[in-house]
Amino acid sequence: MTADTAAPTASAPAGNLVRTGGPKEDSAWLEHVLGWTLVVVVAMFVTQVGWF
């Protein structure tokens, strides 16, 4: 990346940045629930497969 391509994003205020489609900032509980659900699913999978 050159300085010319980085300049427009470096000078943009934080409120004007493009979002990537992730959860909103006020949904921390949703991230926690989905994270722990993933942990439980992976633990169930590992238990059924018999790895560890």
PDB file of N, CA and C in Angstrom:
ATOM      1  N   MET A   1       0.853  -1.160   0.000  1.00  0.00           N
ATOM      2  CA  MET A   1       0.000   0.000   0.000  1.00  0.00           C
ATOM      3  C   MET A   1       0.901   1.225   0.000  1.00  0.00           C
ATOM      4  N   THR A   2       0.541   2.169  -0.765  1.00  0.00           N
ATOM      5  CA  THR A   2       1.322   3.392  -0.836  1.00  0.00           C
ATOM      6  C   THR A   2       0.695   4.462   0.061  1.00  0.00           C
ATOM      7  N   ALA A   3       1.405   5.542   0.228  1.00  0.00           N
ATOM      8  CA  ALA A   3       0.884   6.640   1.053  1.00  0.00           C
ATOM      9  C   ALA A   3      -0.360   7.251   0.425  1.00  0.00           C
ATOM     10  N   ASP A   4      -0.446   7.233  -0.896  1.00  0.00           N
ATOM     11  CA  ASP A   4      -1.619   7.808  -1.562  1.00  0.00           C
ATOM     12  C   ASP A   4      -2.880   6.993  -1.283  1.00  0.00           C
ATOM     13  N   THR A   5      -2.758   5.673  -1.244  1.00  0.00           N
ATOM     14  CA  THR A   5      -3.946   4.855  -0.991  1.00  0.00           C
ATOM     15  C   THR A   5      -4.324   4.845   0.480  1.00  0.00           C
ATOM     16  N   ALA A   6      -3.362   5.049   1.374  1.00  0.00           N
ATOM     17  CA  ALA A   6      -3.667   5.038   2.799  1.00  0.00           C
ATOM     18  C   ALA A   6      -4.178   6.384   3.290  1.00  0.00           C
ATOM     19  N   ALA A   7      -3.909   7.451   2.581  1.00  0.00           N
ATOM     20  CA  ALA A   7      -4.254   8.794   3.048  1.00  0.00           C
ATOM     21  C   ALA A   7      -5.749   9.008   3.270  1.00  0.00           C
ATOM     22  N   PRO A   8      -6.648   8.605   2.358  1.00  0.00           N
ATOM     23  CA  PRO A   8      -8.064   8.886   2.604  1.00  0.00           C
ATOM     24  C   PRO A   8      -8.612   8.187   3.843  1.00  0.00           C
ATOM     25  N   THR A   9      -8.191   6.956   4.122  1.00  0.00           N
ATOM     26  CA  THR A   9      -8.716   6.265   5.293  1.00  0.00           C
ATOM     27  C   THR A   9      -8.061   6.747   6.562  1.00  0.00           C
ATOM     28  N   ALA A  10      -6.814   7.184   6.494  1.00  0.00           N
ATOM     29  CA  ALA A  10      -6.138   7.653   7.695  1.00  0.00           C
ATOM     30  C   ALA A  10      -6.699   8.982   8.167  1.00  0.00           C
ATOM     31  N   SER A  11      -7.196   9.800   7.268  1.00  0.00           N
ATOM     32  CA  SER A  11      -7.703  11.104   7.658  1.00  0.00           C
ATOM     33  C   SER A  11      -9.209  11.094   7.931  1.00  0.00           C
ATOM     34  N   ALA A  12      -9.882   9.977   7.694  1.00  0.00           N
ATOM     35  CA  ALA A  12     -11.327   9.914   7.901  1.00  0.00           C
ATOM     36  C   ALA A  12     -11.637   9.827   9.391  1.00  0.00           C
ATOM     37  N   PRO A  13     -12.656  10.524   9.851  1.00  0.00           N
ATOM     38  CA  PRO A  13     -13.058  10.407  11.251  1.00  0.00           C
ATOM     39  C   PRO A  13     -13.578   9.003  11.545  1.00  0.00           C
ATOM     40  N   ALA A  14     -13.524   8.604  12.781  1.00  0.00           N
ATOM     41  CA  ALA A  14     -13.906   7.241  13.163  1.00  0.00           C
ATOM     42  C   ALA A  14     -15.364   6.945  12.829  1.00  0.00           C
ATOM     43  N   GLY A  15     -16.233   7.932  12.858  1.00  0.00           N
ATOM     44  CA  GLY A  15     -17.646   7.701  12.585  1.00  0.00           C
ATOM     45  C   GLY A  15     -17.949   7.422  11.124  1.00  0.00           C
ATOM     46  N   ASN A  16     -17.047   7.766  10.220  1.00  0.00           N
ATOM     47  CA  ASN A  16     -17.296   7.590   8.791  1.00  0.00           C
ATOM     48  C   ASN A  16     -16.689   6.320   8.215  1.00  0.00           C
ATOM     49  N   LEU A  17     -16.108   5.476   9.050  1.00  0.00           N
ATOM     50  CA  LEU A  17     -15.497   4.256   8.538  1.00  0.00           C
ATOM     51  C   LEU A  17     -16.574   3.254   8.122  1.00  0.00           C
ATOM     52  N   VAL A  18     -16.274   2.453   7.139  1.00  0.00           N
ATOM     53  CA  VAL A  18     -17.216   1.462   6.637  1.00  0.00           C
ATOM     54  C   VAL A  18     -17.219   0.260   7.563  1.00  0.00           C
ATOM     55  N   ARG A  19     -18.404  -0.199   7.925  1.00  0.00           N
ATOM     56  CA  ARG A  19     -18.512  -1.382   8.787  1.00  0.00           C
ATOM     57  C   ARG A  19     -18.363  -2.634   7.946  1.00  0.00           C
ATOM     58  N   THR A  20     -17.933  -3.713   8.572  1.00  0.00           N
ATOM     59  CA  THR A  20     -17.668  -4.958   7.859  1.00  0.00           C
ATOM     60  C   THR A  20     -18.800  -5.963   7.976  1.00  0.00           C
ATOM     61  N   GLY A  21     -19.879  -5.618   8.620  1.00  0.00           N
ATOM     62  CA  GLY A  21     -21.006  -6.538   8.732  1.00  0.00           C
ATOM     63  C   GLY A  21     -21.035  -7.307  10.027  1.00  0.00           C
ATOM     64  N   GLY A  22     -20.146  -6.999  10.961  1.00  0.00           N
ATOM     65  CA  GLY A  22     -20.139  -7.663  12.257  1.00  0.00           C
ATOM     66  C   GLY A  22     -21.276  -7.161  13.134  1.00  0.00           C
ATOM     67  N   PRO A  23     -21.368  -7.711  14.349  1.00  0.00           N
ATOM     68  CA  PRO A  23     -22.433  -7.257  15.243  1.00  0.00           C
ATOM     69  C   PRO A  23     -22.228  -5.809  15.657  1.00  0.00           C
ATOM     70  N   LYS A  24     -23.305  -5.154  16.037  1.00  0.00           N
ATOM     71  CA  LYS A  24     -23.223  -3.766  16.484  1.00  0.00           C
ATOM     72  C   LYS A  24     -22.450  -3.707  17.795  1.00  0.00           C
ATOM     73  N   GLU A  25     -22.004  -2.527  18.142  1.00  0.00           N
ATOM     74  CA  GLU A  25     -21.215  -2.346  19.356  1.00  0.00           C
ATOM     75  C   GLU A  25     -22.028  -2.591  20.622  1.00  0.00           C
ATOM     76  N   ASP A  26     -23.338  -2.446  20.561  1.00  0.00           N
ATOM     77  CA  ASP A  26     -24.154  -2.612  21.762  1.00  0.00           C
ATOM     78  C   ASP A  26     -24.625  -4.049  21.972  1.00  0.00           C
ATOM     79  N   SER A  27     -24.121  -4.995  21.211  1.00  0.00           N
ATOM     80  CA  SER A  27     -24.580  -6.380  21.342  1.00  0.00           C
ATOM     81  C   SER A  27     -23.484  -7.274  21.924  1.00  0.00           C
ATOM     82  N   ALA A  28     -22.875  -6.845  23.007  1.00  0.00           N
ATOM     83  CA  ALA A  28     -21.805  -7.630  23.630  1.00  0.00           C
ATOM     84  C   ALA A  28     -22.354  -8.960  24.148  1.00  0.00           C
ATOM     85  N   TRP A  29     -23.579  -8.955  24.656  1.00  0.00           N
ATOM     86  CA  TRP A  29     -24.140 -10.207  25.172  1.00  0.00           C
ATOM     87  C   TRP A  29     -24.302 -11.230  24.061  1.00  0.00           C
ATOM     88  N   LEU A  30     -24.640 -10.782  22.859  1.00  0.00           N
ATOM     89  CA  LEU A  30     -24.789 -11.702  21.732  1.00  0.00           C
ATOM     90  C   LEU A  30     -23.453 -12.346  21.393  1.00  0.00           C
ATOM     91  N   GLU A  31     -22.387 -11.565  21.432  1.00  0.00           N
ATOM     92  CA  GLU A  31     -21.066 -12.122  21.173  1.00  0.00           C
ATOM     93  C   GLU A  31     -20.693 -13.153  22.227  1.00  0.00           C
ATOM     94  N   HIS A  32     -21.015 -12.892  23.473  1.00  0.00           N
ATOM     95  CA  HIS A  32     -20.711 -13.842  24.542  1.00  0.00           C
ATOM     96  C   HIS A  32     -21.500 -15.133  24.375  1.00  0.00           C
ATOM     97  N   VAL A  33     -22.774 -15.004  24.070  1.00  0.00           N
ATOM     98  CA  VAL A  33     -23.624 -16.196  23.896  1.00  0.00           C
ATOM     99  C   VAL A  33     -23.134 -17.025  22.714  1.00  0.00           C
ATOM    100  N   LEU A  34     -22.842 -16.372  21.592  1.00  0.00           N
ATOM    101  CA  LEU A  34     -22.369 -17.114  20.424  1.00  0.00           C
ATOM    102  C   LEU A  34     -20.993 -17.723  20.684  1.00  0.00           C
ATOM    103  N   GLY A  35     -20.143 -17.019  21.408  1.00  0.00           N
ATOM    104  CA  GLY A  35     -18.828 -17.551  21.731  1.00  0.00           C
ATOM    105  C   GLY A  35     -18.904 -18.799  22.600  1.00  0.00           C
ATOM    106  N   TRP A  36     -19.722 -18.731  23.643  1.00  0.00           N
ATOM    107  CA  TRP A  36     -19.853 -19.900  24.515  1.00  0.00           C
ATOM    108  C   TRP A  36     -20.571 -21.052  23.809  1.00  0.00           C
ATOM    109  N   THR A  37     -21.490 -20.729  22.915  1.00  0.00           N
ATOM    110  CA  THR A  37     -22.135 -21.788  22.130  1.00  0.00           C
ATOM    111  C   THR A  37     -21.101 -22.504  21.266  1.00  0.00           C
ATOM    112  N   LEU A  38     -20.208 -21.740  20.658  1.00  0.00           N
ATOM    113  CA  LEU A  38     -19.145 -22.350  19.859  1.00  0.00           C
ATOM    114  C   LEU A  38     -18.245 -23.220  20.730  1.00  0.00           C
ATOM    115  N   VAL A  39     -17.920 -22.769  21.921  1.00  0.00           N
ATOM    116  CA  VAL A  39     -17.083 -23.558  22.828  1.00  0.00           C
ATOM    117  C   VAL A  39     -17.767 -24.878  23.162  1.00  0.00           C
ATOM    118  N   VAL A  40     -19.043 -24.839  23.466  1.00  0.00           N
ATOM    119  CA  VAL A  40     -19.777 -26.061  23.820  1.00  0.00           C
ATOM    120  C   VAL A  40     -19.864 -27.005  22.636  1.00  0.00           C
ATOM    121  N   VAL A  41     -20.130 -26.476  21.443  1.00  0.00           N
ATOM    122  CA  VAL A  41     -20.231 -27.324  20.248  1.00  0.00           C
ATOM    123  C   VAL A  41     -18.896 -27.988  19.943  1.00  0.00           C
ATOM    124  N   VAL A  42     -17.811 -27.243  20.041  1.00  0.00           N
ATOM    125  CA  VAL A  42     -16.487 -27.825  19.792  1.00  0.00           C
ATOM    126  C   VAL A  42     -16.173 -28.873  20.847  1.00  0.00           C
ATOM    127  N   ALA A  43     -16.508 -28.612  22.108  1.00  0.00           N
ATOM    128  CA  ALA A  43     -16.267 -29.596  23.168  1.00  0.00           C
ATOM    129  C   ALA A  43     -17.073 -30.874  22.930  1.00  0.00           C
ATOM    130  N   MET A  44     -18.320 -30.732  22.496  1.00  0.00           N
ATOM    131  CA  MET A  44     -19.128 -31.917  22.196  1.00  0.00           C
ATOM    132  C   MET A  44     -18.542 -32.696  21.030  1.00  0.00           C
ATOM    133  N   PHE A  45     -18.084 -31.988  20.004  1.00  0.00           N
ATOM    134  CA  PHE A  45     -17.490 -32.646  18.843  1.00  0.00           C
ATOM    135  C   PHE A  45     -16.223 -33.399  19.232  1.00  0.00           C
ATOM    136  N   VAL A  46     -15.355 -32.760  20.009  1.00  0.00           N
ATOM    137  CA  VAL A  46     -14.109 -33.412  20.427  1.00  0.00           C
ATOM    138  C   VAL A  46     -14.416 -34.620  21.283  1.00  0.00           C
ATOM    139  N   THR A  47     -15.413 -34.517  22.151  1.00  0.00           N
ATOM    140  CA  THR A  47     -15.785 -35.651  23.006  1.00  0.00           C
ATOM    141  C   THR A  47     -16.306 -36.816  22.177  1.00  0.00           C
ATOM    142  N   GLN A  48     -17.127 -36.539  21.183  1.00  0.00           N
ATOM    143  CA  GLN A  48     -17.695 -37.599  20.356  1.00  0.00           C
ATOM    144  C   GLN A  48     -16.639 -38.249  19.465  1.00  0.00           C
ATOM    145  N   VAL A  49     -15.723 -37.451  18.951  1.00  0.00           N
ATOM    146  CA  VAL A  49     -14.692 -37.985  18.050  1.00  0.00           C
ATOM    147  C   VAL A  49     -13.667 -38.771  18.851  1.00  0.00           C
ATOM    148  N   GLY A  50     -13.406 -38.339  20.074  1.00  0.00           N
ATOM    149  CA  GLY A  50     -12.465 -39.045  20.920  1.00  0.00           C
ATOM    150  C   GLY A  50     -11.043 -38.570  20.807  1.00  0.00           C
ATOM    151  N   TRP A  51     -10.844 -37.318  20.353  1.00  0.00           N
ATOM    152  CA  TRP A  51      -9.496 -36.773  20.274  1.00  0.00           C
ATOM    153  C   TRP A  51      -9.026 -36.536  21.671  1.00  0.00           C
ATOM    154  N   PHE A  52      -8.334 -36.096  22.266  1.00  0.00           N
ATOM    155  CA  PHE A  52      -7.920 -35.807  23.630  1.00  0.00           C
ATOM    156  C   PHE A  52      -8.520 -36.781  24.571  1.00  0.00           C
TER     157      PHE A  52
END
